[in-house]
């Protein structure tokens, strides 16, 4: 299963964390396959090792697929999680108090942003 971390804004205007997976079903060649998710565009980005980003919210609702690098996230309420290569972040905290992140080690953070089309369902399954 593909690990997914959901980051969203609660009614308290704070960013919150939920750990889970992307729901996948048997598909072609006995592989597991998610449902189709409509997107508006995809970009890739790289941050040098040691990088960090202070308090911010997600600019849009998006999936962030970590290709390399390990980083620690924290919300203003102290909720913490770590992303590893292969993890997917479902970033839905587009308003509110936000989150920040810090890269661990000297490896760069390489990631792919998949900006979701409005109303797109992501089959997130909480642990």
N, C-alpha and C. Protein backbone atom coordinates (compact mmCIF):
# COMPACT_ATOMS: atom_id res chain seq x y z
N UNK A 1 0.84 -1.19 0.00
CA UNK A 1 0.00 0.00 0.00
C UNK A 1 0.88 1.24 0.00
N UNK A 2 0.36 2.30 -0.55
CA UNK A 2 1.09 3.56 -0.61
C UNK A 2 0.69 4.41 0.59
N UNK A 3 1.68 4.77 1.39
CA UNK A 3 1.44 5.60 2.58
C UNK A 3 1.04 7.00 2.14
N UNK A 4 0.01 7.53 2.78
CA UNK A 4 -0.47 8.88 2.48
C UNK A 4 -0.70 9.60 3.80
N UNK A 5 -0.26 10.83 3.86
CA UNK A 5 -0.50 11.69 5.02
C UNK A 5 -1.42 12.81 4.57
N UNK A 6 -2.54 12.94 5.25
CA UNK A 6 -3.51 14.01 4.94
C UNK A 6 -3.26 15.17 5.89
N UNK A 7 -3.12 16.35 5.33
CA UNK A 7 -2.91 17.58 6.09
C UNK A 7 -4.06 18.51 5.72
N UNK A 8 -4.93 18.83 6.68
CA UNK A 8 -6.12 19.62 6.37
C UNK A 8 -6.38 20.65 7.45
N UNK A 9 -7.26 21.60 7.15
CA UNK A 9 -7.65 22.65 8.09
C UNK A 9 -8.94 22.26 8.78
N UNK A 10 -8.90 22.23 10.10
CA UNK A 10 -10.08 21.90 10.88
C UNK A 10 -10.94 23.12 11.17
N UNK A 11 -12.07 22.91 11.84
CA UNK A 11 -12.97 24.00 12.19
C UNK A 11 -12.32 24.98 13.17
N UNK A 12 -11.26 24.53 13.84
CA UNK A 12 -10.52 25.41 14.76
C UNK A 12 -9.52 26.29 14.04
N UNK A 13 -9.49 26.24 12.68
CA UNK A 13 -8.59 27.01 11.84
C UNK A 13 -7.15 26.53 11.94
N UNK A 14 -6.95 25.36 12.53
CA UNK A 14 -5.62 24.78 12.64
C UNK A 14 -5.40 23.67 11.64
N UNK A 15 -4.13 23.47 11.26
CA UNK A 15 -3.78 22.35 10.39
C UNK A 15 -3.71 21.08 11.23
N UNK A 16 -4.22 20.00 10.67
CA UNK A 16 -4.26 18.72 11.37
C UNK A 16 -3.73 17.61 10.47
N UNK A 17 -3.29 16.51 11.09
CA UNK A 17 -2.62 15.43 10.39
C UNK A 17 -3.39 14.13 10.57
N UNK A 18 -3.48 13.37 9.50
CA UNK A 18 -4.08 12.05 9.54
C UNK A 18 -3.19 11.14 8.70
N UNK A 19 -2.76 10.02 9.26
CA UNK A 19 -1.91 9.06 8.56
C UNK A 19 -2.80 7.96 7.98
N UNK A 20 -2.51 7.55 6.77
CA UNK A 20 -3.29 6.49 6.15
C UNK A 20 -2.64 5.98 4.88
N UNK A 21 -3.48 5.56 3.96
CA UNK A 21 -3.03 5.05 2.66
C UNK A 21 -3.97 5.54 1.57
N UNK A 22 -3.56 5.32 0.34
CA UNK A 22 -4.42 5.53 -0.81
C UNK A 22 -5.12 4.20 -1.08
N UNK A 23 -6.44 4.21 -1.20
CA UNK A 23 -7.19 2.99 -1.47
C UNK A 23 -6.83 2.49 -2.87
N UNK A 24 -6.45 1.23 -2.94
CA UNK A 24 -6.08 0.62 -4.22
C UNK A 24 -6.75 -0.74 -4.34
N UNK A 25 -7.12 -1.08 -5.55
CA UNK A 25 -7.82 -2.33 -5.84
C UNK A 25 -7.02 -3.13 -6.87
N UNK A 26 -7.29 -4.42 -6.99
CA UNK A 26 -6.60 -5.20 -8.02
C UNK A 26 -6.86 -4.61 -9.40
N UNK A 27 -5.79 -4.53 -10.18
CA UNK A 27 -5.87 -3.97 -11.53
C UNK A 27 -5.20 -4.89 -12.52
N UNK A 28 -4.72 -4.33 -13.59
CA UNK A 28 -4.07 -5.12 -14.64
C UNK A 28 -2.79 -5.78 -14.10
N UNK A 29 -2.44 -6.92 -14.64
CA UNK A 29 -1.21 -7.65 -14.30
C UNK A 29 -1.09 -7.93 -12.81
N UNK A 30 -2.20 -8.06 -12.11
CA UNK A 30 -2.22 -8.31 -10.67
C UNK A 30 -1.59 -7.18 -9.86
N UNK A 31 -1.45 -6.00 -10.46
CA UNK A 31 -0.98 -4.83 -9.73
C UNK A 31 -2.15 -4.22 -8.96
N UNK A 32 -1.83 -3.41 -7.96
CA UNK A 32 -2.86 -2.63 -7.28
C UNK A 32 -2.98 -1.29 -7.98
N UNK A 33 -4.20 -0.75 -8.05
CA UNK A 33 -4.47 0.45 -8.82
C UNK A 33 -5.45 1.33 -8.06
N UNK A 34 -5.15 2.62 -7.99
CA UNK A 34 -6.09 3.57 -7.38
C UNK A 34 -7.15 3.96 -8.41
N UNK A 35 -8.16 4.65 -7.92
CA UNK A 35 -9.12 5.25 -8.84
C UNK A 35 -8.48 6.43 -9.56
N UNK A 36 -9.11 6.87 -10.63
CA UNK A 36 -8.62 8.01 -11.39
C UNK A 36 -8.84 9.29 -10.60
N UNK A 37 -7.85 10.17 -10.62
CA UNK A 37 -7.93 11.46 -9.94
C UNK A 37 -7.62 12.56 -10.96
N UNK A 38 -8.58 13.43 -11.20
CA UNK A 38 -8.38 14.51 -12.16
C UNK A 38 -7.45 15.57 -11.58
N UNK A 39 -6.55 16.07 -12.43
CA UNK A 39 -5.63 17.12 -12.00
C UNK A 39 -5.59 18.23 -13.05
N UNK A 40 -5.11 19.40 -12.60
CA UNK A 40 -5.00 20.52 -13.54
C UNK A 40 -3.60 20.63 -14.11
N UNK A 41 -2.58 20.30 -13.32
CA UNK A 41 -1.21 20.31 -13.81
C UNK A 41 -0.28 19.61 -12.83
N UNK A 42 0.90 19.28 -13.31
CA UNK A 42 1.92 18.59 -12.52
C UNK A 42 3.23 19.34 -12.68
N UNK A 43 3.94 19.53 -11.57
CA UNK A 43 5.28 20.12 -11.61
C UNK A 43 6.19 19.29 -10.72
N UNK A 44 7.50 19.43 -10.91
CA UNK A 44 8.48 18.82 -10.03
C UNK A 44 9.35 19.92 -9.45
N UNK A 45 9.87 19.67 -8.26
CA UNK A 45 10.67 20.68 -7.57
C UNK A 45 11.76 19.98 -6.76
N UNK A 46 12.85 20.68 -6.56
CA UNK A 46 13.94 20.15 -5.75
C UNK A 46 14.42 21.23 -4.79
N UNK A 47 14.58 20.86 -3.52
CA UNK A 47 15.15 21.72 -2.49
C UNK A 47 16.43 21.07 -2.01
N UNK A 48 17.50 21.85 -1.94
CA UNK A 48 18.80 21.33 -1.50
C UNK A 48 18.73 20.81 -0.08
N UNK A 49 19.59 19.85 0.23
CA UNK A 49 19.68 19.29 1.57
C UNK A 49 19.80 20.39 2.62
N UNK A 50 19.18 20.17 3.77
CA UNK A 50 19.20 21.16 4.85
C UNK A 50 18.12 22.21 4.73
N UNK A 51 17.35 22.19 3.65
CA UNK A 51 16.32 23.20 3.42
C UNK A 51 15.19 23.12 4.42
N UNK A 52 14.45 24.21 4.51
CA UNK A 52 13.31 24.31 5.42
C UNK A 52 12.35 25.35 4.86
N UNK A 53 11.12 25.29 5.30
CA UNK A 53 10.14 26.33 4.96
C UNK A 53 9.33 26.64 6.21
N UNK A 54 9.35 27.94 6.57
CA UNK A 54 8.63 28.40 7.77
C UNK A 54 7.13 28.29 7.56
N UNK A 55 6.37 28.73 8.55
CA UNK A 55 4.91 28.58 8.58
C UNK A 55 4.27 29.01 7.27
N UNK A 56 3.43 28.12 6.74
CA UNK A 56 2.71 28.39 5.49
C UNK A 56 1.54 27.42 5.37
N UNK A 57 0.65 27.70 4.46
CA UNK A 57 -0.43 26.78 4.12
C UNK A 57 -0.16 26.28 2.70
N UNK A 58 -0.85 25.22 2.31
CA UNK A 58 -0.74 24.73 0.94
C UNK A 58 -1.37 25.78 0.02
N UNK A 59 -0.72 26.09 -1.11
CA UNK A 59 -1.27 27.09 -2.01
C UNK A 59 -2.55 26.65 -2.70
N UNK A 60 -2.69 25.33 -2.90
CA UNK A 60 -3.85 24.72 -3.54
C UNK A 60 -3.99 23.31 -2.99
N UNK A 61 -5.13 22.69 -3.22
CA UNK A 61 -5.30 21.29 -2.84
C UNK A 61 -4.50 20.44 -3.81
N UNK A 62 -3.58 19.65 -3.27
CA UNK A 62 -2.65 18.93 -4.14
C UNK A 62 -2.11 17.67 -3.47
N UNK A 63 -1.59 16.78 -4.31
CA UNK A 63 -0.81 15.64 -3.85
C UNK A 63 0.65 16.01 -4.02
N UNK A 64 1.46 15.71 -3.02
CA UNK A 64 2.90 15.95 -3.09
C UNK A 64 3.56 14.59 -2.93
N UNK A 65 4.20 14.12 -3.98
CA UNK A 65 4.82 12.80 -4.00
C UNK A 65 6.32 12.97 -3.75
N UNK A 66 6.80 12.44 -2.63
CA UNK A 66 8.23 12.56 -2.31
C UNK A 66 9.00 11.51 -3.10
N UNK A 67 9.94 12.00 -3.92
CA UNK A 67 10.77 11.12 -4.74
C UNK A 67 12.08 10.80 -4.03
N UNK A 68 12.65 11.79 -3.34
CA UNK A 68 13.86 11.57 -2.54
C UNK A 68 13.88 12.58 -1.42
N UNK A 69 14.63 12.26 -0.37
CA UNK A 69 14.71 13.12 0.80
C UNK A 69 13.75 12.69 1.88
N UNK A 70 14.09 13.07 3.09
CA UNK A 70 13.25 12.78 4.27
C UNK A 70 13.07 14.08 5.00
N UNK A 71 11.84 14.39 5.39
CA UNK A 71 11.62 15.65 6.06
C UNK A 71 10.59 15.53 7.16
N UNK A 72 10.75 16.40 8.14
CA UNK A 72 9.86 16.46 9.30
C UNK A 72 8.92 17.63 9.14
N UNK A 73 7.63 17.39 9.38
CA UNK A 73 6.60 18.42 9.35
C UNK A 73 6.09 18.63 10.77
N UNK A 74 5.61 19.83 11.05
CA UNK A 74 4.94 20.12 12.32
C UNK A 74 3.85 21.15 12.07
N UNK A 75 2.73 21.02 12.78
CA UNK A 75 1.67 22.03 12.74
C UNK A 75 1.85 22.95 13.94
N UNK A 76 1.16 24.06 13.94
CA UNK A 76 1.26 25.01 15.06
C UNK A 76 0.76 24.40 16.37
N UNK A 77 -0.11 23.40 16.27
CA UNK A 77 -0.61 22.71 17.47
C UNK A 77 0.33 21.60 17.93
N UNK A 78 1.45 21.42 17.23
CA UNK A 78 2.43 20.43 17.64
C UNK A 78 2.25 19.04 17.06
N UNK A 79 1.33 18.86 16.12
CA UNK A 79 1.19 17.56 15.46
C UNK A 79 2.39 17.39 14.52
N UNK A 80 3.02 16.22 14.55
CA UNK A 80 4.23 15.99 13.77
C UNK A 80 4.12 14.73 12.93
N UNK A 81 4.82 14.75 11.79
CA UNK A 81 4.95 13.54 10.97
C UNK A 81 6.20 13.68 10.12
N UNK A 82 6.66 12.55 9.61
CA UNK A 82 7.85 12.51 8.75
C UNK A 82 7.45 11.93 7.40
N UNK A 83 7.93 12.55 6.32
CA UNK A 83 7.74 12.02 4.98
C UNK A 83 9.03 11.36 4.52
N UNK A 84 8.89 10.21 3.86
CA UNK A 84 10.01 9.45 3.32
C UNK A 84 9.80 9.28 1.82
N UNK A 85 10.85 8.92 1.07
CA UNK A 85 10.66 8.66 -0.36
C UNK A 85 9.54 7.64 -0.58
N UNK A 86 8.68 7.95 -1.52
CA UNK A 86 7.54 7.10 -1.83
C UNK A 86 6.25 7.49 -1.13
N UNK A 87 6.34 8.34 -0.11
CA UNK A 87 5.14 8.81 0.58
C UNK A 87 4.41 9.86 -0.25
N UNK A 88 3.10 9.93 -0.04
CA UNK A 88 2.26 10.93 -0.69
C UNK A 88 1.66 11.81 0.40
N UNK A 89 1.77 13.11 0.21
CA UNK A 89 1.13 14.09 1.09
C UNK A 89 -0.11 14.61 0.39
N UNK A 90 -1.26 14.48 1.02
CA UNK A 90 -2.49 15.08 0.53
C UNK A 90 -2.63 16.41 1.25
N UNK A 91 -2.21 17.48 0.60
CA UNK A 91 -2.16 18.81 1.21
C UNK A 91 -3.49 19.52 0.97
N UNK A 92 -4.28 19.64 2.04
CA UNK A 92 -5.59 20.28 1.95
C UNK A 92 -5.70 21.45 2.93
N UNK A 93 -4.62 21.81 3.60
CA UNK A 93 -4.67 22.93 4.56
C UNK A 93 -4.37 24.25 3.83
N UNK A 94 -5.30 24.65 2.98
CA UNK A 94 -5.12 25.84 2.15
C UNK A 94 -5.48 27.13 2.89
N UNK A 95 -5.92 27.03 4.12
CA UNK A 95 -6.24 28.19 4.96
C UNK A 95 -5.86 27.84 6.39
N UNK A 96 -5.86 28.83 7.24
CA UNK A 96 -5.62 28.57 8.66
C UNK A 96 -4.18 28.77 9.09
N UNK A 97 -3.81 28.09 10.18
CA UNK A 97 -2.53 28.35 10.84
C UNK A 97 -1.34 27.71 10.15
N UNK A 98 -1.55 26.69 9.33
CA UNK A 98 -0.48 26.14 8.51
C UNK A 98 0.45 25.17 9.20
N UNK A 99 1.55 24.93 8.51
CA UNK A 99 2.55 23.95 8.92
C UNK A 99 3.92 24.44 8.49
N UNK A 100 4.96 23.76 8.96
CA UNK A 100 6.31 24.04 8.48
C UNK A 100 7.04 22.71 8.32
N UNK A 101 8.14 22.72 7.55
CA UNK A 101 8.92 21.51 7.36
C UNK A 101 10.40 21.81 7.37
N UNK A 102 11.18 20.74 7.67
CA UNK A 102 12.64 20.80 7.73
C UNK A 102 13.18 19.50 7.15
N UNK A 103 14.10 19.62 6.19
CA UNK A 103 14.75 18.43 5.64
C UNK A 103 15.69 17.82 6.65
N UNK A 104 15.73 16.50 6.67
CA UNK A 104 16.67 15.77 7.53
C UNK A 104 17.85 15.33 6.67
N UNK A 105 19.06 15.43 7.20
CA UNK A 105 20.24 14.98 6.47
C UNK A 105 20.61 15.90 5.33
N UNK A 106 21.48 15.40 4.47
CA UNK A 106 22.02 16.23 3.39
C UNK A 106 21.40 15.96 2.03
N UNK A 107 20.49 14.98 1.95
CA UNK A 107 19.86 14.68 0.67
C UNK A 107 18.86 15.76 0.30
N UNK A 108 18.74 16.08 -0.99
CA UNK A 108 17.72 17.04 -1.42
C UNK A 108 16.33 16.44 -1.33
N UNK A 109 15.33 17.33 -1.25
CA UNK A 109 13.94 16.88 -1.33
C UNK A 109 13.48 17.08 -2.76
N UNK A 110 13.29 15.96 -3.45
CA UNK A 110 12.75 15.98 -4.81
C UNK A 110 11.32 15.50 -4.71
N UNK A 111 10.42 16.28 -5.30
CA UNK A 111 9.00 15.93 -5.19
C UNK A 111 8.25 16.34 -6.44
N UNK A 112 7.08 15.71 -6.58
CA UNK A 112 6.18 16.00 -7.67
C UNK A 112 4.88 16.54 -7.07
N UNK A 113 4.45 17.69 -7.57
CA UNK A 113 3.19 18.28 -7.17
C UNK A 113 2.13 17.94 -8.21
N UNK A 114 1.03 17.36 -7.76
CA UNK A 114 -0.10 17.06 -8.62
C UNK A 114 -1.25 17.92 -8.11
N UNK A 115 -1.53 19.01 -8.81
CA UNK A 115 -2.60 19.92 -8.39
C UNK A 115 -3.93 19.30 -8.81
N UNK A 116 -4.76 19.06 -7.82
CA UNK A 116 -6.03 18.37 -8.05
C UNK A 116 -7.08 19.31 -8.65
N UNK A 117 -7.83 18.78 -9.59
CA UNK A 117 -8.95 19.54 -10.15
C UNK A 117 -10.01 19.71 -9.06
N UNK A 118 -10.76 20.80 -9.16
CA UNK A 118 -11.79 21.07 -8.16
C UNK A 118 -12.77 19.92 -8.07
N UNK A 119 -13.05 19.48 -6.84
CA UNK A 119 -14.01 18.42 -6.61
C UNK A 119 -13.46 17.01 -6.76
N UNK A 120 -12.17 16.88 -7.07
CA UNK A 120 -11.58 15.55 -7.25
C UNK A 120 -11.56 14.78 -5.94
N UNK A 121 -12.03 13.55 -6.00
CA UNK A 121 -12.03 12.67 -4.84
C UNK A 121 -10.69 11.95 -4.77
N UNK A 122 -10.07 12.00 -3.60
CA UNK A 122 -8.87 11.21 -3.34
C UNK A 122 -9.28 10.12 -2.36
N UNK A 123 -9.07 8.88 -2.73
CA UNK A 123 -9.52 7.76 -1.91
C UNK A 123 -8.54 7.53 -0.75
N UNK A 124 -8.50 8.50 0.16
CA UNK A 124 -7.64 8.42 1.34
C UNK A 124 -8.33 7.52 2.37
N UNK A 125 -7.56 6.57 2.90
CA UNK A 125 -8.08 5.65 3.92
C UNK A 125 -7.26 5.85 5.19
N UNK A 126 -7.87 6.42 6.25
CA UNK A 126 -7.10 6.62 7.49
C UNK A 126 -6.74 5.29 8.15
N UNK A 127 -5.59 5.27 8.83
CA UNK A 127 -5.18 4.07 9.59
C UNK A 127 -6.12 3.83 10.75
